[in-house]
């Protein structure tokens, strides 16, 4: 009797393992197909200049968009995720040094990568918020590109990305934004410029950088990756609804909420938001406070 039970237990477990293997084979080939998909996009012309004003605005955008979080303090690239379950994700060397993409990227290539999330070879870049950069005005995109083109060369060659099983499964289930080219409206043309003023409209423009974590309705939700905390609601129905403008500004510039909670910059990048100008931070507050409640 015991042998019979063990035999059937082994058969059931064997079948379960085979099902898991079969499921992962499907996940692997589906995600490989998406990773290797090529995109053809019409690239909007963006002017690059070395004017002091453009370079200053470009550096500011690098600060508030968190480019250094993935590409390193010198923007010479780094491994920003190295996890036994997820894999290894690498921020490219953005300079013209050895191993840098700027040695071969033209203005059109750079526009394609930033605005569309598409590499020089036509495939999607990996985990870069191009869907946020897609909303940048022509003037701001030009400033960002101008600054990147002006960077001091950094000689740094980096390893390739490595996508491990858990990350493939999360990508397959659309629980991880691995392939930004899938989320971009490639037909969208950028506005020529946007006025820096304290307004909800300008706040929406700046708050495009919040969508990646807080979702398009800014109400947050489940954790983005296993092990990280849930993403909070930043509309007036969340804690922000109880905060004054001064409290909001203090929180985004110090990382300490009015309730006394110290925010982890790995989960809430206040080290980036502290660089917002007064116009930017006040406009974001105005925008979030005036979002309509969902019925």
Protein backbone atom coordinates (compact mmCIF):
# COMPACT_ATOMS: atom_id res chain seq x y z
CA UNK A 1 0.00 0.00 0.00
CA UNK A 2 2.81 2.37 0.95
CA UNK A 3 4.61 1.61 -2.31
CA UNK A 4 1.45 2.35 -4.26
CA UNK A 5 1.00 5.70 -2.50
CA UNK A 6 4.64 6.61 -3.10
CA UNK A 7 4.36 5.56 -6.74
CA UNK A 8 1.32 7.77 -7.37
CA UNK A 9 2.84 10.63 -5.39
CA UNK A 10 5.92 10.41 -7.61
CA UNK A 11 3.77 10.36 -10.74
CA UNK A 12 1.79 13.40 -9.60
CA UNK A 13 4.93 15.31 -8.67
CA UNK A 14 6.57 14.35 -11.96
CA UNK A 15 3.56 15.59 -13.92
CA UNK A 16 3.57 18.82 -11.91
CA UNK A 17 7.26 19.38 -12.67
CA UNK A 18 6.66 18.71 -16.35
CA UNK A 19 3.80 21.21 -16.37
CA UNK A 20 6.05 23.82 -14.75
CA UNK A 21 8.76 23.17 -17.31
CA UNK A 22 6.27 23.40 -20.16
CA UNK A 23 4.84 26.64 -18.74
CA UNK A 24 8.30 28.17 -18.41
CA UNK A 25 9.18 27.17 -21.97
CA UNK A 26 6.14 29.15 -23.12
CA UNK A 27 7.15 32.10 -20.91
CA UNK A 28 10.73 31.98 -22.20
CA UNK A 29 9.88 31.99 -25.90
CA UNK A 30 7.10 34.58 -25.52
CA UNK A 31 9.39 36.96 -23.65
CA UNK A 32 12.26 36.31 -26.07
CA UNK A 33 9.94 37.23 -28.92
CA UNK A 34 9.04 40.49 -27.19
CA UNK A 35 12.67 41.28 -26.29
CA UNK A 36 13.79 40.71 -29.90
CA UNK A 37 10.89 42.50 -31.57
CA UNK A 38 12.06 45.35 -33.80
CA UNK A 39 10.31 48.71 -34.08
CA UNK A 40 10.34 51.14 -36.98
CA UNK A 41 9.57 54.68 -35.84
CA UNK A 42 9.57 58.10 -37.46
CA UNK A 43 12.03 60.15 -35.41
CA UNK A 44 11.10 63.74 -34.70
CA UNK A 45 13.95 66.17 -35.40
CA UNK A 46 15.47 67.54 -32.21
CA UNK A 47 18.03 70.35 -32.25
CA UNK A 48 21.16 69.93 -30.14
CA UNK A 49 23.00 73.04 -28.97
CA UNK A 50 25.89 73.80 -26.66
CA UNK A 51 24.31 76.96 -25.21
CA UNK A 52 24.80 77.45 -21.48
CA UNK A 53 21.02 77.61 -20.97
CA UNK A 54 20.41 74.31 -22.73
CA UNK A 55 23.24 72.55 -20.90
CA UNK A 56 21.96 73.79 -17.53
CA UNK A 57 18.42 72.62 -18.28
CA UNK A 58 19.74 69.29 -19.54
CA UNK A 59 21.71 68.73 -16.34
CA UNK A 60 18.61 69.63 -14.32
CA UNK A 61 16.55 67.07 -16.24
CA UNK A 62 19.20 64.41 -15.60
CA UNK A 63 18.87 65.18 -11.88
CA UNK A 64 15.08 65.11 -11.61
CA UNK A 65 14.61 62.17 -13.99
CA UNK A 66 16.95 59.99 -11.93
CA UNK A 67 19.31 59.13 -14.77
CA UNK A 68 22.21 58.65 -12.35
CA UNK A 69 20.30 56.00 -10.40
CA UNK A 70 20.82 53.57 -13.27
CA UNK A 71 23.69 55.10 -15.26
CA UNK A 72 25.99 56.07 -12.39
CA UNK A 73 27.08 59.40 -10.94
CA UNK A 74 29.34 60.06 -13.92
CA UNK A 75 26.74 58.60 -16.34
CA UNK A 76 29.42 56.13 -17.40
CA UNK A 77 27.05 53.24 -16.72
CA UNK A 78 26.69 50.64 -13.97
CA UNK A 79 24.97 47.41 -12.99
CA UNK A 80 21.90 48.67 -11.12
CA UNK A 81 20.17 45.34 -10.49
CA UNK A 82 22.12 42.19 -9.71
CA UNK A 83 19.74 39.69 -8.16
CA UNK A 84 19.89 35.88 -8.23
CA UNK A 85 16.16 35.68 -8.97
CA UNK A 86 15.65 38.64 -11.28
CA UNK A 87 18.98 38.74 -13.09
CA UNK A 88 21.39 41.52 -14.01
CA UNK A 89 20.26 44.83 -15.48
CA UNK A 90 22.81 47.33 -16.73
CA UNK A 91 22.54 51.08 -17.29
CA UNK A 92 24.53 51.94 -20.41
CA UNK A 93 27.61 54.14 -20.51
CA UNK A 94 26.13 57.38 -21.87
CA UNK A 95 29.46 59.01 -22.67
CA UNK A 96 31.80 58.90 -25.65
CA UNK A 97 34.42 56.95 -23.74
CA UNK A 98 35.39 53.33 -24.35
CA UNK A 99 32.23 51.24 -23.97
CA UNK A 100 30.00 54.31 -24.31
CA UNK A 101 27.02 54.36 -26.66
CA UNK A 102 27.65 57.99 -27.65
CA UNK A 103 30.60 56.87 -29.72
CA UNK A 104 28.17 55.54 -32.31
CA UNK A 105 24.77 57.07 -31.49
CA UNK A 106 23.64 59.89 -33.80
CA UNK A 107 21.10 62.52 -32.75
CA UNK A 108 18.37 60.42 -34.37
CA UNK A 109 19.55 57.29 -32.52
CA UNK A 110 19.50 59.15 -29.21
CA UNK A 111 16.05 60.59 -29.87
CA UNK A 112 14.80 57.12 -30.77
CA UNK A 113 16.14 55.67 -27.52
CA UNK A 114 14.96 58.47 -25.23
CA UNK A 115 11.57 59.24 -26.78
CA UNK A 116 10.60 55.82 -28.14
CA UNK A 117 12.55 53.34 -26.01
CA UNK A 118 14.10 51.84 -29.15
CA UNK A 119 17.79 51.03 -29.51
CA UNK A 120 19.97 51.62 -32.55
CA UNK A 121 19.26 48.03 -33.67
CA UNK A 122 15.49 48.59 -33.52
CA UNK A 123 14.85 46.52 -30.38
CA UNK A 124 13.42 47.87 -27.14
CA UNK A 125 15.78 49.30 -24.57
CA UNK A 126 15.62 47.55 -21.19
CA UNK A 127 13.87 49.17 -18.23
CA UNK A 128 14.33 52.81 -19.19
CA UNK A 129 11.41 55.19 -18.58
CA UNK A 130 11.09 56.23 -22.22
CA UNK A 131 7.33 56.38 -21.83
CA UNK A 132 7.98 59.29 -19.44
CA UNK A 133 10.57 60.96 -21.71
CA UNK A 134 8.10 60.63 -24.57
CA UNK A 135 6.14 63.49 -22.99
CA UNK A 136 9.10 65.90 -22.95
CA UNK A 137 8.85 69.00 -25.10
CA UNK A 138 11.18 69.41 -28.07
CA UNK A 139 13.01 72.12 -26.13
CA UNK A 140 13.56 69.91 -23.06
CA UNK A 141 14.46 66.85 -25.11
CA UNK A 142 17.02 68.95 -26.98
CA UNK A 143 18.44 70.21 -23.69
CA UNK A 144 18.74 66.68 -22.32
CA UNK A 145 20.45 65.45 -25.47
CA UNK A 146 22.75 68.49 -25.52
CA UNK A 147 23.90 67.75 -21.97
CA UNK A 148 24.48 64.06 -22.72
CA UNK A 149 26.52 64.95 -25.79
CA UNK A 150 28.69 67.28 -23.66
CA UNK A 151 29.65 64.67 -21.04
CA UNK A 152 33.28 63.98 -20.25
CA UNK A 153 34.23 60.60 -21.78
CA UNK A 154 34.28 57.73 -19.29
CA UNK A 155 36.09 54.53 -20.26
CA UNK A 156 33.95 51.76 -18.82
CA UNK A 157 32.90 48.55 -20.50
CA UNK A 158 29.96 46.79 -18.90
CA UNK A 159 28.50 43.27 -18.93
CA UNK A 160 25.37 42.36 -20.87
CA UNK A 161 21.89 42.26 -19.34
CA UNK A 162 20.87 38.86 -18.01
CA UNK A 163 17.16 38.10 -17.68
CA UNK A 164 16.52 35.32 -15.16
CA UNK A 165 13.36 33.19 -14.79
CA UNK A 166 11.50 35.31 -12.21
CA UNK A 167 11.97 38.47 -14.25
CA UNK A 168 10.77 36.66 -17.36
CA UNK A 169 7.64 35.50 -15.54
CA UNK A 170 6.95 39.02 -14.21
CA UNK A 171 7.46 40.44 -17.72
CA UNK A 172 5.21 37.77 -19.24
CA UNK A 173 2.47 38.70 -16.74
CA UNK A 174 3.04 42.44 -17.39
CA UNK A 175 4.00 42.93 -13.75
CA UNK A 176 7.40 44.45 -14.56
CA UNK A 177 8.05 47.27 -17.09
CA UNK A 178 11.05 45.60 -18.73
CA UNK A 179 10.33 46.72 -22.31
CA UNK A 180 9.40 50.42 -22.50
CA UNK A 181 8.95 50.41 -26.29
CA UNK A 182 5.78 48.39 -25.71
CA UNK A 183 4.23 51.21 -23.66
CA UNK A 184 5.15 54.21 -25.83
CA UNK A 185 2.78 55.94 -28.25
CA UNK A 186 5.22 56.04 -31.17
CA UNK A 187 2.99 58.35 -33.20
CA UNK A 188 3.00 61.10 -30.57
CA UNK A 189 4.71 64.34 -31.57
CA UNK A 190 6.29 66.45 -28.81
CA UNK A 191 5.17 69.97 -28.04
CA UNK A 192 7.69 72.60 -29.10
CA UNK A 193 7.96 74.00 -25.58
CA UNK A 194 6.06 74.20 -22.32
CA UNK A 195 5.93 77.26 -20.08
CA UNK A 196 7.50 76.89 -16.65
CA UNK A 197 4.81 78.38 -14.45
CA UNK A 198 2.88 77.39 -11.35
CA UNK A 199 -0.11 75.61 -12.88
CA UNK A 200 -1.81 72.23 -12.85
CA UNK A 201 -0.96 71.85 -16.54
CA UNK A 202 2.75 72.27 -15.89
CA UNK A 203 2.39 69.99 -12.86
CA UNK A 204 0.99 67.24 -15.06
CA UNK A 205 3.99 67.65 -17.37
CA UNK A 206 6.46 67.30 -14.50
CA UNK A 207 4.47 64.52 -12.80
CA UNK A 208 4.85 62.30 -15.88
CA UNK A 209 7.87 60.96 -14.01
CA UNK A 210 5.60 59.68 -11.22
CA UNK A 211 3.50 57.44 -13.46
CA UNK A 212 6.01 54.60 -13.64
CA UNK A 213 5.47 53.77 -9.97
CA UNK A 214 2.19 55.46 -9.00
CA UNK A 215 0.32 54.37 -12.17
CA UNK A 216 -1.55 56.55 -14.62
CA UNK A 217 -4.22 57.43 -12.03
CA UNK A 218 -1.56 58.25 -9.40
CA UNK A 219 -3.33 55.98 -6.92
CA UNK A 220 -0.45 53.52 -6.64
CA UNK A 221 -1.12 49.85 -6.02
CA UNK A 222 0.73 46.61 -5.53
CA UNK A 223 4.50 46.43 -5.25
CA UNK A 224 6.43 46.80 -8.49
CA UNK A 225 8.85 43.98 -7.69
CA UNK A 226 8.74 41.19 -5.09
CA UNK A 227 9.97 42.35 -1.71
CA UNK A 228 9.28 46.05 -2.21
CA UNK A 229 6.41 47.83 -0.42
CA UNK A 230 3.06 48.71 -2.02
CA UNK A 231 3.07 51.98 -3.95
CA UNK A 232 1.06 54.71 -2.15
CA UNK A 233 -1.83 56.75 -3.43
CA UNK A 234 -0.56 60.31 -4.11
CA UNK A 235 -3.92 61.87 -4.98
CA UNK A 236 -6.14 63.85 -2.60
CA UNK A 237 -7.75 60.58 -1.48
CA UNK A 238 -4.37 59.50 -0.10
CA UNK A 239 -2.14 61.12 2.52
CA UNK A 240 -1.34 64.04 0.23
CA UNK A 241 -4.97 65.10 0.55
CA UNK A 242 -4.21 65.93 4.19
CA UNK A 243 -0.96 67.79 3.49
CA UNK A 244 -0.52 71.51 2.97
CA UNK A 245 1.65 72.76 0.12
CA UNK A 246 4.47 73.50 2.56
CA UNK A 247 4.28 69.96 3.98
CA UNK A 248 4.34 68.49 0.47
CA UNK A 249 7.41 70.54 -0.45
CA UNK A 250 9.16 69.61 2.81
CA UNK A 251 8.46 65.90 2.18
CA UNK A 252 9.81 65.90 -1.38
CA UNK A 253 12.91 67.85 -0.37
CA UNK A 254 13.82 66.09 2.88
CA UNK A 255 12.31 62.61 2.55
CA UNK A 256 10.41 63.05 5.83
CA UNK A 257 6.60 63.04 5.77
CA UNK A 258 4.41 65.22 8.02
CA UNK A 259 3.67 62.01 9.96
CA UNK A 260 7.38 61.71 10.74
CA UNK A 261 8.09 58.80 8.41
CA UNK A 262 11.54 58.73 6.81
CA UNK A 263 11.16 57.58 3.21
CA UNK A 264 13.62 55.11 1.73
CA UNK A 265 15.04 56.72 -1.44
CA UNK A 266 15.14 53.27 -3.06
CA UNK A 267 11.34 53.21 -2.89
CA UNK A 268 10.53 56.93 -3.10
CA UNK A 269 13.27 58.88 -4.94
CA UNK A 270 13.12 62.06 -2.87
CA UNK A 271 16.82 62.57 -3.60
CA UNK A 272 15.60 63.36 -7.12
CA UNK A 273 12.49 65.36 -6.23
CA UNK A 274 14.50 67.59 -3.88
CA UNK A 275 16.05 69.03 -7.07
CA UNK A 276 12.67 70.26 -8.35
CA UNK A 277 12.46 74.01 -8.85
CA UNK A 278 9.81 75.90 -6.89
CA UNK A 279 7.66 76.12 -10.02
CA UNK A 280 7.95 72.37 -10.61
CA UNK A 281 7.21 71.21 -7.08
CA UNK A 282 4.33 73.65 -6.51
CA UNK A 283 2.82 72.72 -9.86
CA UNK A 284 2.98 68.99 -9.08
CA UNK A 285 1.18 69.63 -5.78
CA UNK A 286 -1.48 71.67 -7.57
CA UNK A 287 -1.95 68.97 -10.20
CA UNK A 288 -2.23 66.08 -7.71
CA UNK A 289 -4.61 68.00 -5.41
CA UNK A 290 -6.92 68.77 -8.33
CA UNK A 291 -7.12 65.33 -9.90
CA UNK A 292 -10.80 64.33 -10.18
CA UNK A 293 -11.95 61.54 -7.91
CA UNK A 294 -12.82 58.37 -9.79
CA UNK A 295 -16.50 57.57 -9.62
